[in-house]
Amino acid sequence: FADEPIYSWLGGRASDRIVEFKPQESANAIWALATATIKDGELVSSVSWQVMRTLPEISTQSLANFVWAFTKLGYEQEAVLAAVQEEALRKRGLYSEQDL
């Protein structure tokens, strides 16, 4: 399914609005991309940089979802991963069983 034209169209629309995404919307976007195995580098990168901008506001559940999605997609942007790791460690006492 990841090669269907609808995904390219949706990706283009989302890319135009990513800077407006709230933390939960970013979490939903990256989770959806990973679930559908859509490895659109530009879109994944755009969502990932938006994640970095909103890290202090991100819930532990969203942070866990980002880590899962990054792993599934094979995402290797060191700056983003380091920032997410730092935030995950900062919030380590807040995780619920579901988050883990």
PDB file of N, CA and C in Angstrom:
ATOM      1  N   PHE A   1       0.791  -1.212   0.000  1.00  0.00           N
ATOM      2  CA  PHE A   1       0.000   0.000   0.000  1.00  0.00           C
ATOM      3  C   PHE A   1       0.833   1.276   0.000  1.00  0.00           C
ATOM      4  N   ALA A   2       2.048   1.204   0.517  1.00  0.00           N
ATOM      5  CA  ALA A   2       2.856   2.405   0.703  1.00  0.00           C
ATOM      6  C   ALA A   2       3.204   3.103  -0.601  1.00  0.00           C
ATOM      7  N   ASP A   3       3.091   2.415  -1.733  1.00  0.00           N
ATOM      8  CA  ASP A   3       3.443   3.025  -3.009  1.00  0.00           C
ATOM      9  C   ASP A   3       2.251   3.668  -3.716  1.00  0.00           C
ATOM     10  N   GLU A   4       1.080   3.594  -3.106  1.00  0.00           N
ATOM     11  CA  GLU A   4      -0.097   4.140  -3.763  1.00  0.00           C
ATOM     12  C   GLU A   4      -0.034   5.665  -3.814  1.00  0.00           C
ATOM     13  N   PRO A   5      -0.572   6.263  -4.889  1.00  0.00           N
ATOM     14  CA  PRO A   5      -0.527   7.723  -5.058  1.00  0.00           C
ATOM     15  C   PRO A   5      -1.157   8.501  -3.907  1.00  0.00           C
ATOM     16  N   ILE A   6      -2.143   7.924  -3.245  1.00  0.00           N
ATOM     17  CA  ILE A   6      -2.800   8.642  -2.144  1.00  0.00           C
ATOM     18  C   ILE A   6      -1.799   8.985  -1.043  1.00  0.00           C
ATOM     19  N   TYR A   7      -0.829   8.099  -0.808  1.00  0.00           N
ATOM     20  CA  TYR A   7       0.158   8.367   0.231  1.00  0.00           C
ATOM     21  C   TYR A   7       1.064   9.533  -0.154  1.00  0.00           C
ATOM     22  N   SER A   8       1.403   9.634  -1.408  1.00  0.00           N
ATOM     23  CA  SER A   8       2.215  10.767  -1.862  1.00  0.00           C
ATOM     24  C   SER A   8       1.438  12.068  -1.700  1.00  0.00           C
ATOM     25  N   TRP A   9       0.178  12.027  -2.056  1.00  0.00           N
ATOM     26  CA  TRP A   9      -0.660  13.215  -1.932  1.00  0.00           C
ATOM     27  C   TRP A   9      -0.806  13.608  -0.460  1.00  0.00           C
ATOM     28  N   LEU A  10      -1.119  12.647   0.404  1.00  0.00           N
ATOM     29  CA  LEU A  10      -1.264  12.921   1.830  1.00  0.00           C
ATOM     30  C   LEU A  10       0.049  13.423   2.422  1.00  0.00           C
ATOM     31  N   GLY A  11       1.147  12.818   2.014  1.00  0.00           N
ATOM     32  CA  GLY A  11       2.451  13.250   2.493  1.00  0.00           C
ATOM     33  C   GLY A  11       2.736  14.689   2.134  1.00  0.00           C
ATOM     34  N   GLY A  12       2.405  15.063   0.916  1.00  0.00           N
ATOM     35  CA  GLY A  12       2.603  16.440   0.482  1.00  0.00           C
ATOM     36  C   GLY A  12       1.758  17.421   1.275  1.00  0.00           C
ATOM     37  N   ARG A  13       0.517  17.046   1.513  1.00  0.00           N
ATOM     38  CA  ARG A  13      -0.377  17.900   2.304  1.00  0.00           C
ATOM     39  C   ARG A  13       0.126  18.031   3.736  1.00  0.00           C
ATOM     40  N   ALA A  14       0.552  16.929   4.309  1.00  0.00           N
ATOM     41  CA  ALA A  14       1.044  16.948   5.695  1.00  0.00           C
ATOM     42  C   ALA A  14       2.331  17.761   5.804  1.00  0.00           C
ATOM     43  N   SER A  15       3.223  17.604   4.834  1.00  0.00           N
ATOM     44  CA  SER A  15       4.498  18.327   4.866  1.00  0.00           C
ATOM     45  C   SER A  15       4.288  19.834   4.922  1.00  0.00           C
ATOM     46  N   ASP A  16       3.245  20.307   4.245  1.00  0.00           N
ATOM     47  CA  ASP A  16       2.948  21.737   4.233  1.00  0.00           C
ATOM     48  C   ASP A  16       2.491  22.249   5.590  1.00  0.00           C
ATOM     49  N   ARG A  17       1.976  21.352   6.439  1.00  0.00           N
ATOM     50  CA  ARG A  17       1.368  21.786   7.701  1.00  0.00           C
ATOM     51  C   ARG A  17       2.064  21.263   8.944  1.00  0.00           C
ATOM     52  N   ILE A  18       3.156  20.553   8.791  1.00  0.00           N
ATOM     53  CA  ILE A  18       3.810  19.914   9.931  1.00  0.00           C
ATOM     54  C   ILE A  18       4.193  20.912  11.023  1.00  0.00           C
ATOM     55  N   VAL A  19       4.602  22.100  10.661  1.00  0.00           N
ATOM     56  CA  VAL A  19       5.003  23.073  11.685  1.00  0.00           C
ATOM     57  C   VAL A  19       3.831  23.466  12.581  1.00  0.00           C
ATOM     58  N   GLU A  20       2.616  23.174  12.154  1.00  0.00           N
ATOM     59  CA  GLU A  20       1.431  23.476  12.952  1.00  0.00           C
ATOM     60  C   GLU A  20       1.041  22.307  13.860  1.00  0.00           C
ATOM     61  N   PHE A  21       1.672  21.147  13.660  1.00  0.00           N
ATOM     62  CA  PHE A  21       1.296  19.959  14.422  1.00  0.00           C
ATOM     63  C   PHE A  21       1.573  20.143  15.906  1.00  0.00           C
ATOM     64  N   LYS A  22       0.618  19.731  16.720  1.00  0.00           N
ATOM     65  CA  LYS A  22       0.810  19.648  18.163  1.00  0.00           C
ATOM     66  C   LYS A  22       1.521  18.329  18.441  1.00  0.00           C
ATOM     67  N   PRO A  23       2.077  18.154  19.637  1.00  0.00           N
ATOM     68  CA  PRO A  23       2.808  16.913  19.923  1.00  0.00           C
ATOM     69  C   PRO A  23       2.010  15.641  19.626  1.00  0.00           C
ATOM     70  N   GLN A  24       0.744  15.598  20.004  1.00  0.00           N
ATOM     71  CA  GLN A  24      -0.062  14.401  19.755  1.00  0.00           C
ATOM     72  C   GLN A  24      -0.250  14.165  18.259  1.00  0.00           C
ATOM     73  N   GLU A  25      -0.405  15.225  17.491  1.00  0.00           N
ATOM     74  CA  GLU A  25      -0.560  15.090  16.041  1.00  0.00           C
ATOM     75  C   GLU A  25       0.723  14.558  15.405  1.00  0.00           C
ATOM     76  N   SER A  26       1.865  15.023  15.899  1.00  0.00           N
ATOM     77  CA  SER A  26       3.144  14.504  15.403  1.00  0.00           C
ATOM     78  C   SER A  26       3.277  13.018  15.735  1.00  0.00           C
ATOM     79  N   ALA A  27       2.883  12.660  16.959  1.00  0.00           N
ATOM     80  CA  ALA A  27       2.933  11.254  17.372  1.00  0.00           C
ATOM     81  C   ALA A  27       2.044  10.401  16.480  1.00  0.00           C
ATOM     82  N   ASN A  28       0.854  10.882  16.210  1.00  0.00           N
ATOM     83  CA  ASN A  28      -0.075  10.139  15.342  1.00  0.00           C
ATOM     84  C   ASN A  28       0.486  10.003  13.934  1.00  0.00           C
ATOM     85  N   ALA A  29       1.096  11.062  13.429  1.00  0.00           N
ATOM     86  CA  ALA A  29       1.638  11.039  12.059  1.00  0.00           C
ATOM     87  C   ALA A  29       2.772  10.034  11.929  1.00  0.00           C
ATOM     88  N   ILE A  30       3.732  10.073  12.855  1.00  0.00           N
ATOM     89  CA  ILE A  30       4.882   9.166  12.735  1.00  0.00           C
ATOM     90  C   ILE A  30       4.454   7.729  12.987  1.00  0.00           C
ATOM     91  N   TRP A  31       3.500   7.527  13.902  1.00  0.00           N
ATOM     92  CA  TRP A  31       2.977   6.186  14.160  1.00  0.00           C
ATOM     93  C   TRP A  31       2.293   5.640  12.906  1.00  0.00           C
ATOM     94  N   ALA A  32       1.486   6.475  12.242  1.00  0.00           N
ATOM     95  CA  ALA A  32       0.785   6.039  11.031  1.00  0.00           C
ATOM     96  C   ALA A  32       1.770   5.690   9.921  1.00  0.00           C
ATOM     97  N   LEU A  33       2.806   6.504   9.748  1.00  0.00           N
ATOM     98  CA  LEU A  33       3.816   6.217   8.725  1.00  0.00           C
ATOM     99  C   LEU A  33       4.492   4.879   8.992  1.00  0.00           C
ATOM    100  N   ALA A  34       4.860   4.641  10.248  1.00  0.00           N
ATOM    101  CA  ALA A  34       5.536   3.388  10.588  1.00  0.00           C
ATOM    102  C   ALA A  34       4.601   2.194  10.448  1.00  0.00           C
ATOM    103  N   THR A  35       3.350   2.359  10.861  1.00  0.00           N
ATOM    104  CA  THR A  35       2.383   1.274  10.765  1.00  0.00           C
ATOM    105  C   THR A  35       2.170   0.861   9.312  1.00  0.00           C
ATOM    106  N   ALA A  36       2.115   1.846   8.425  1.00  0.00           N
ATOM    107  CA  ALA A  36       1.924   1.563   6.997  1.00  0.00           C
ATOM    108  C   ALA A  36       3.256   1.327   6.285  1.00  0.00           C
ATOM    109  N   THR A  37       4.352   1.356   7.002  1.00  0.00           N
ATOM    110  CA  THR A  37       5.711   1.185   6.475  1.00  0.00           C
ATOM    111  C   THR A  37       5.973   2.153   5.320  1.00  0.00           C
ATOM    112  N   ILE A  38       5.639   3.408   5.560  1.00  0.00           N
ATOM    113  CA  ILE A  38       5.893   4.457   4.575  1.00  0.00           C
ATOM    114  C   ILE A  38       7.181   5.151   4.974  1.00  0.00           C
ATOM    115  N   LYS A  39       8.225   4.915   4.196  1.00  0.00           N
ATOM    116  CA  LYS A  39       9.549   5.434   4.520  1.00  0.00           C
ATOM    117  C   LYS A  39       9.888   6.658   3.682  1.00  0.00           C
ATOM    118  N   ASP A  40       8.923   7.543   3.522  1.00  0.00           N
ATOM    119  CA  ASP A  40       9.134   8.793   2.802  1.00  0.00           C
ATOM    120  C   ASP A  40      10.116   9.630   3.619  1.00  0.00           C
ATOM    121  N   GLY A  41      11.368   9.653   3.197  1.00  0.00           N
ATOM    122  CA  GLY A  41      12.419  10.305   3.961  1.00  0.00           C
ATOM    123  C   GLY A  41      12.128  11.751   4.308  1.00  0.00           C
ATOM    124  N   GLU A  42      11.617  12.510   3.363  1.00  0.00           N
ATOM    125  CA  GLU A  42      11.336  13.923   3.596  1.00  0.00           C
ATOM    126  C   GLU A  42      10.233  14.100   4.632  1.00  0.00           C
ATOM    127  N   LEU A  43       9.174  13.313   4.503  1.00  0.00           N
ATOM    128  CA  LEU A  43       8.055  13.429   5.433  1.00  0.00           C
ATOM    129  C   LEU A  43       8.455  12.961   6.833  1.00  0.00           C
ATOM    130  N   VAL A  44       9.133  11.828   6.923  1.00  0.00           N
ATOM    131  CA  VAL A  44       9.586  11.322   8.225  1.00  0.00           C
ATOM    132  C   VAL A  44      10.533  12.334   8.867  1.00  0.00           C
ATOM    133  N   SER A  45      11.426  12.886   8.092  1.00  0.00           N
ATOM    134  CA  SER A  45      12.367  13.873   8.614  1.00  0.00           C
ATOM    135  C   SER A  45      11.633  15.123   9.103  1.00  0.00           C
ATOM    136  N   SER A  46      10.663  15.585   8.338  1.00  0.00           N
ATOM    137  CA  SER A  46       9.901  16.778   8.731  1.00  0.00           C
ATOM    138  C   SER A  46       9.157  16.548  10.040  1.00  0.00           C
ATOM    139  N   VAL A  47       8.499  15.413  10.167  1.00  0.00           N
ATOM    140  CA  VAL A  47       7.781  15.103  11.404  1.00  0.00           C
ATOM    141  C   VAL A  47       8.776  14.980  12.559  1.00  0.00           C
ATOM    142  N   SER A  48       9.905  14.366  12.299  1.00  0.00           N
ATOM    143  CA  SER A  48      10.907  14.164  13.343  1.00  0.00           C
ATOM    144  C   SER A  48      11.452  15.484  13.871  1.00  0.00           C
ATOM    145  N   TRP A  49      11.706  16.431  12.993  1.00  0.00           N
ATOM    146  CA  TRP A  49      12.202  17.726  13.442  1.00  0.00           C
ATOM    147  C   TRP A  49      11.112  18.478  14.203  1.00  0.00           C
ATOM    148  N   GLN A  50       9.858  18.274  13.837  1.00  0.00           N
ATOM    149  CA  GLN A  50       8.762  18.877  14.599  1.00  0.00           C
ATOM    150  C   GLN A  50       8.706  18.264  16.000  1.00  0.00           C
ATOM    151  N   VAL A  51       8.977  16.984  16.092  1.00  0.00           N
ATOM    152  CA  VAL A  51       9.043  16.318  17.390  1.00  0.00           C
ATOM    153  C   VAL A  51      10.090  17.010  18.265  1.00  0.00           C
ATOM    154  N   MET A  52      11.248  17.265  17.705  1.00  0.00           N
ATOM    155  CA  MET A  52      12.311  17.919  18.475  1.00  0.00           C
ATOM    156  C   MET A  52      11.866  19.274  19.004  1.00  0.00           C
ATOM    157  N   ARG A  53      11.145  19.992  18.216  1.00  0.00           N
ATOM    158  CA  ARG A  53      10.701  21.329  18.625  1.00  0.00           C
ATOM    159  C   ARG A  53       9.693  21.286  19.764  1.00  0.00           C
ATOM    160  N   THR A  54       8.975  20.186  19.897  1.00  0.00           N
ATOM    161  CA  THR A  54       7.902  20.106  20.891  1.00  0.00           C
ATOM    162  C   THR A  54       8.191  19.092  21.999  1.00  0.00           C
ATOM    163  N   LEU A  55       9.434  18.618  22.107  1.00  0.00           N
ATOM    164  CA  LEU A  55       9.765  17.576  23.086  1.00  0.00           C
ATOM    165  C   LEU A  55       9.293  17.865  24.514  1.00  0.00           C
ATOM    166  N   PRO A  56       9.483  19.065  25.036  1.00  0.00           N
ATOM    167  CA  PRO A  56       9.057  19.290  26.418  1.00  0.00           C
ATOM    168  C   PRO A  56       7.551  19.080  26.646  1.00  0.00           C
ATOM    169  N   GLU A  57       6.750  19.204  25.590  1.00  0.00           N
ATOM    170  CA  GLU A  57       5.296  19.074  25.703  1.00  0.00           C
ATOM    171  C   GLU A  57       4.799  17.647  25.446  1.00  0.00           C
ATOM    172  N   ILE A  58       5.662  16.772  24.978  1.00  0.00           N
ATOM    173  CA  ILE A  58       5.253  15.438  24.544  1.00  0.00           C
ATOM    174  C   ILE A  58       4.986  14.531  25.735  1.00  0.00           C
ATOM    175  N   SER A  59       3.884  13.808  25.673  1.00  0.00           N
ATOM    176  CA  SER A  59       3.548  12.857  26.736  1.00  0.00           C
ATOM    177  C   SER A  59       4.465  11.639  26.648  1.00  0.00           C
ATOM    178  N   THR A  60       4.522  10.895  27.728  1.00  0.00           N
ATOM    179  CA  THR A  60       5.353   9.695  27.734  1.00  0.00           C
ATOM    180  C   THR A  60       4.834   8.666  26.724  1.00  0.00           C
ATOM    181  N   GLN A  61       3.514   8.579  26.551  1.00  0.00           N
ATOM    182  CA  GLN A  61       2.949   7.657  25.565  1.00  0.00           C
ATOM    183  C   GLN A  61       3.392   8.048  24.158  1.00  0.00           C
ATOM    184  N   SER A  62       3.348   9.327  23.844  1.00  0.00           N
ATOM    185  CA  SER A  62       3.778   9.796  22.525  1.00  0.00           C
ATOM    186  C   SER A  62       5.270   9.553  22.322  1.00  0.00           C
ATOM    187  N   LEU A  63       6.047   9.769  23.364  1.00  0.00           N
ATOM    188  CA  LEU A  63       7.485   9.527  23.279  1.00  0.00           C
ATOM    189  C   LEU A  63       7.761   8.054  22.994  1.00  0.00           C
ATOM    190  N   ALA A  64       7.049   7.179  23.679  1.00  0.00           N
ATOM    191  CA  ALA A  64       7.205   5.736  23.438  1.00  0.00           C
ATOM    192  C   ALA A  64       6.800   5.388  22.001  1.00  0.00           C
ATOM    193  N   ASN A  65       5.737   6.013  21.508  1.00  0.00           N
ATOM    194  CA  ASN A  65       5.299   5.766  20.127  1.00  0.00           C
ATOM    195  C   ASN A  65       6.346   6.235  19.118  1.00  0.00           C
ATOM    196  N   PHE A  66       6.985   7.379  19.392  1.00  0.00           N
ATOM    197  CA  PHE A  66       8.039   7.868  18.507  1.00  0.00           C
ATOM    198  C   PHE A  66       9.190   6.882  18.438  1.00  0.00           C
ATOM    199  N   VAL A  67       9.615   6.404  19.593  1.00  0.00           N
ATOM    200  CA  VAL A  67      10.738   5.464  19.623  1.00  0.00           C
ATOM    201  C   VAL A  67      10.391   4.206  18.838  1.00  0.00           C
ATOM    202  N   TRP A  68       9.188   3.696  19.030  1.00  0.00           N
ATOM    203  CA  TRP A  68       8.752   2.503  18.282  1.00  0.00           C
ATOM    204  C   TRP A  68       8.764   2.794  16.780  1.00  0.00           C
ATOM    205  N   ALA A  69       8.194   3.928  16.386  1.00  0.00           N
ATOM    206  CA  ALA A  69       8.102   4.269  14.960  1.00  0.00           C
ATOM    207  C   ALA A  69       9.486   4.466  14.349  1.00  0.00           C
ATOM    208  N   PHE A  70      10.372   5.181  15.048  1.00  0.00           N
ATOM    209  CA  PHE A  70      11.723   5.399  14.533  1.00  0.00           C
ATOM    210  C   PHE A  70      12.425   4.062  14.324  1.00  0.00           C
ATOM    211  N   THR A  71      12.260   3.153  15.275  1.00  0.00           N
ATOM    212  CA  THR A  71      12.889   1.834  15.164  1.00  0.00           C
ATOM    213  C   THR A  71      12.323   1.073  13.978  1.00  0.00           C
ATOM    214  N   LYS A  72      11.009   1.056  13.840  1.00  0.00           N
ATOM    215  CA  LYS A  72      10.361   0.327  12.740  1.00  0.00           C
ATOM    216  C   LYS A  72      10.770   0.874  11.375  1.00  0.00           C
ATOM    217  N   LEU A  73      10.929   2.192  11.294  1.00  0.00           N
ATOM    218  CA  LEU A  73      11.286   2.822  10.021  1.00  0.00           C
ATOM    219  C   LEU A  73      12.791   2.829   9.756  1.00  0.00           C
ATOM    220  N   GLY A  74      13.587   2.433  10.742  1.00  0.00           N
ATOM    221  CA  GLY A  74      15.031   2.458  10.570  1.00  0.00           C
ATOM    222  C   GLY A  74      15.576   3.871  10.536  1.00  0.00           C
ATOM    223  N   TYR A  75      14.922   4.771  11.233  1.00  0.00           N
ATOM    224  CA  TYR A  75      15.296   6.183  11.241  1.00  0.00           C
ATOM    225  C   TYR A  75      16.622   6.363  11.963  1.00  0.00           C
ATOM    226  N   GLU A  76      17.534   7.101  11.352  1.00  0.00           N
ATOM    227  CA  GLU A  76      18.882   7.216  11.906  1.00  0.00           C
ATOM    228  C   GLU A  76      19.389   8.654  11.984  1.00  0.00           C
ATOM    229  N   GLN A  77      18.530   9.602  12.194  1.00  0.00           N
ATOM    230  CA  GLN A  77      18.946  10.997  12.331  1.00  0.00           C
ATOM    231  C   GLN A  77      19.448  11.203  13.762  1.00  0.00           C
ATOM    232  N   GLU A  78      20.767  11.228  13.930  1.00  0.00           N
ATOM    233  CA  GLU A  78      21.385  11.216  15.260  1.00  0.00           C
ATOM    234  C   GLU A  78      20.914  12.347  16.173  1.00  0.00           C
ATOM    235  N   ALA A  79      20.786  13.547  15.661  1.00  0.00           N
ATOM    236  CA  ALA A  79      20.387  14.678  16.503  1.00  0.00           C
ATOM    237  C   ALA A  79      18.992  14.479  17.082  1.00  0.00           C
ATOM    238  N   VAL A  80      18.082  14.006  16.256  1.00  0.00           N
ATOM    239  CA  VAL A  80      16.713  13.763  16.717  1.00  0.00           C
ATOM    240  C   VAL A  80      16.695  12.623  17.727  1.00  0.00           C
ATOM    241  N   LEU A  81      17.362  11.533  17.407  1.00  0.00           N
ATOM    242  CA  LEU A  81      17.385  10.385  18.308  1.00  0.00           C
ATOM    243  C   LEU A  81      18.012  10.744  19.652  1.00  0.00           C
ATOM    244  N   ALA A  82      19.076  11.535  19.644  1.00  0.00           N
ATOM    245  CA  ALA A  82      19.720  11.954  20.893  1.00  0.00           C
ATOM    246  C   ALA A  82      18.778  12.828  21.723  1.00  0.00           C
ATOM    247  N   ALA A  83      18.061  13.729  21.075  1.00  0.00           N
ATOM    248  CA  ALA A  83      17.127  14.601  21.791  1.00  0.00           C
ATOM    249  C   ALA A  83      15.972  13.794  22.382  1.00  0.00           C
ATOM    250  N   VAL A  84      15.457  12.836  21.611  1.00  0.00           N
ATOM    251  CA  VAL A  84      14.368  11.986  22.095  1.00  0.00           C
ATOM    252  C   VAL A  84      14.859  11.138  23.265  1.00  0.00           C
ATOM    253  N   GLN A  85      16.066  10.607  23.158  1.00  0.00           N
ATOM    254  CA  GLN A  85      16.631   9.808  24.244  1.00  0.00           C
ATOM    255  C   GLN A  85      16.772  10.650  25.521  1.00  0.00           C
ATOM    256  N   GLU A  86      17.277  11.850  25.370  1.00  0.00           N
ATOM    257  CA  GLU A  86      17.447  12.733  26.524  1.00  0.00           C
ATOM    258  C   GLU A  86      16.107  13.033  27.192  1.00  0.00           C
ATOM    259  N   GLU A  87      15.096  13.308  26.377  1.00  0.00           N
ATOM    260  CA  GLU A  87      13.764  13.599  26.920  1.00  0.00           C
ATOM    261  C   GLU A  87      13.160  12.360  27.575  1.00  0.00           C
ATOM    262  N   ALA A  88      13.375  11.206  26.978  1.00  0.00           N
ATOM    263  CA  ALA A  88      12.866   9.955  27.562  1.00  0.00           C
ATOM    264  C   ALA A  88      13.492   9.720  28.932  1.00  0.00           C
ATOM    265  N   LEU A  89      14.780   9.979  29.056  1.00  0.00           N
ATOM    266  CA  LEU A  89      15.459   9.817  30.341  1.00  0.00           C
ATOM    267  C   LEU A  89      14.970  10.847  31.359  1.00  0.00           C
ATOM    268  N   ARG A  90      14.739  12.045  30.898  1.00  0.00           N
ATOM    269  CA  ARG A  90      14.243  13.104  31.784  1.00  0.00           C
ATOM    270  C   ARG A  90      12.880  12.741  32.365  1.00  0.00           C
ATOM    271  N   LYS A  91      12.053  12.051  31.570  1.00  0.00           N
ATOM    272  CA  LYS A  91      10.697  11.697  31.989  1.00  0.00           C
ATOM    273  C   LYS A  91      10.604  10.266  32.527  1.00  0.00           C
ATOM    274  N   ARG A  92      11.736   9.623  32.784  1.00  0.00           N
ATOM    275  CA  ARG A  92      11.750   8.196  33.117  1.00  0.00           C
ATOM    276  C   ARG A  92      10.858   7.811  34.291  1.00  0.00           C
ATOM    277  N   GLY A  93      10.629   8.667  35.238  1.00  0.00           N
ATOM    278  CA  GLY A  93       9.778   8.336  36.375  1.00  0.00           C
ATOM    279  C   GLY A  93       8.288   8.467  36.082  1.00  0.00           C
ATOM    280  N   LEU A  94       7.937   8.926  34.905  1.00  0.00           N
ATOM    281  CA  LEU A  94       6.539   9.198  34.568  1.00  0.00           C
ATOM    282  C   LEU A  94       5.868   8.120  33.722  1.00  0.00           C
ATOM    283  N   TYR A  95       6.643   7.123  33.266  1.00  0.00           N
ATOM    284  CA  TYR A  95       6.088   6.138  32.338  1.00  0.00           C
ATOM    285  C   TYR A  95       5.123   5.178  33.042  1.00  0.00           C
ATOM    286  N   SER A  96       4.037   4.863  32.355  1.00  0.00           N
ATOM    287  CA  SER A  96       3.101   3.853  32.842  1.00  0.00           C
ATOM    288  C   SER A  96       3.473   2.516  32.204  1.00  0.00           C
ATOM    289  N   GLU A  97       2.832   1.459  32.642  1.00  0.00           N
ATOM    290  CA  GLU A  97       3.085   0.145  32.049  1.00  0.00           C
ATOM    291  C   GLU A  97       2.749   0.148  30.570  1.00  0.00           C
ATOM    292  N   GLN A  98       1.703   0.848  30.191  1.00  0.00           N
ATOM    293  CA  GLN A  98       1.295   0.902  28.788  1.00  0.00           C
ATOM    294  C   GLN A  98       2.359   1.588  27.934  1.00  0.00           C
ATOM    295  N   ASP A  99       2.990   2.633  28.478  1.00  0.00           N
ATOM    296  CA  ASP A  99       4.029   3.340  27.734  1.00  0.00           C
ATOM    297  C   ASP A  99       5.189   2.437  27.391  1.00  0.00           C
ATOM    298  N   LEU A 100       5.501   1.525  28.293  1.00  0.00           N
ATOM    299  CA  LEU A 100       6.651   0.649  28.107  1.00  0.00           C
ATOM    300  C   LEU A 100       6.280  -0.530  27.269  1.00  0.00           C
TER     301      LEU A 100
END
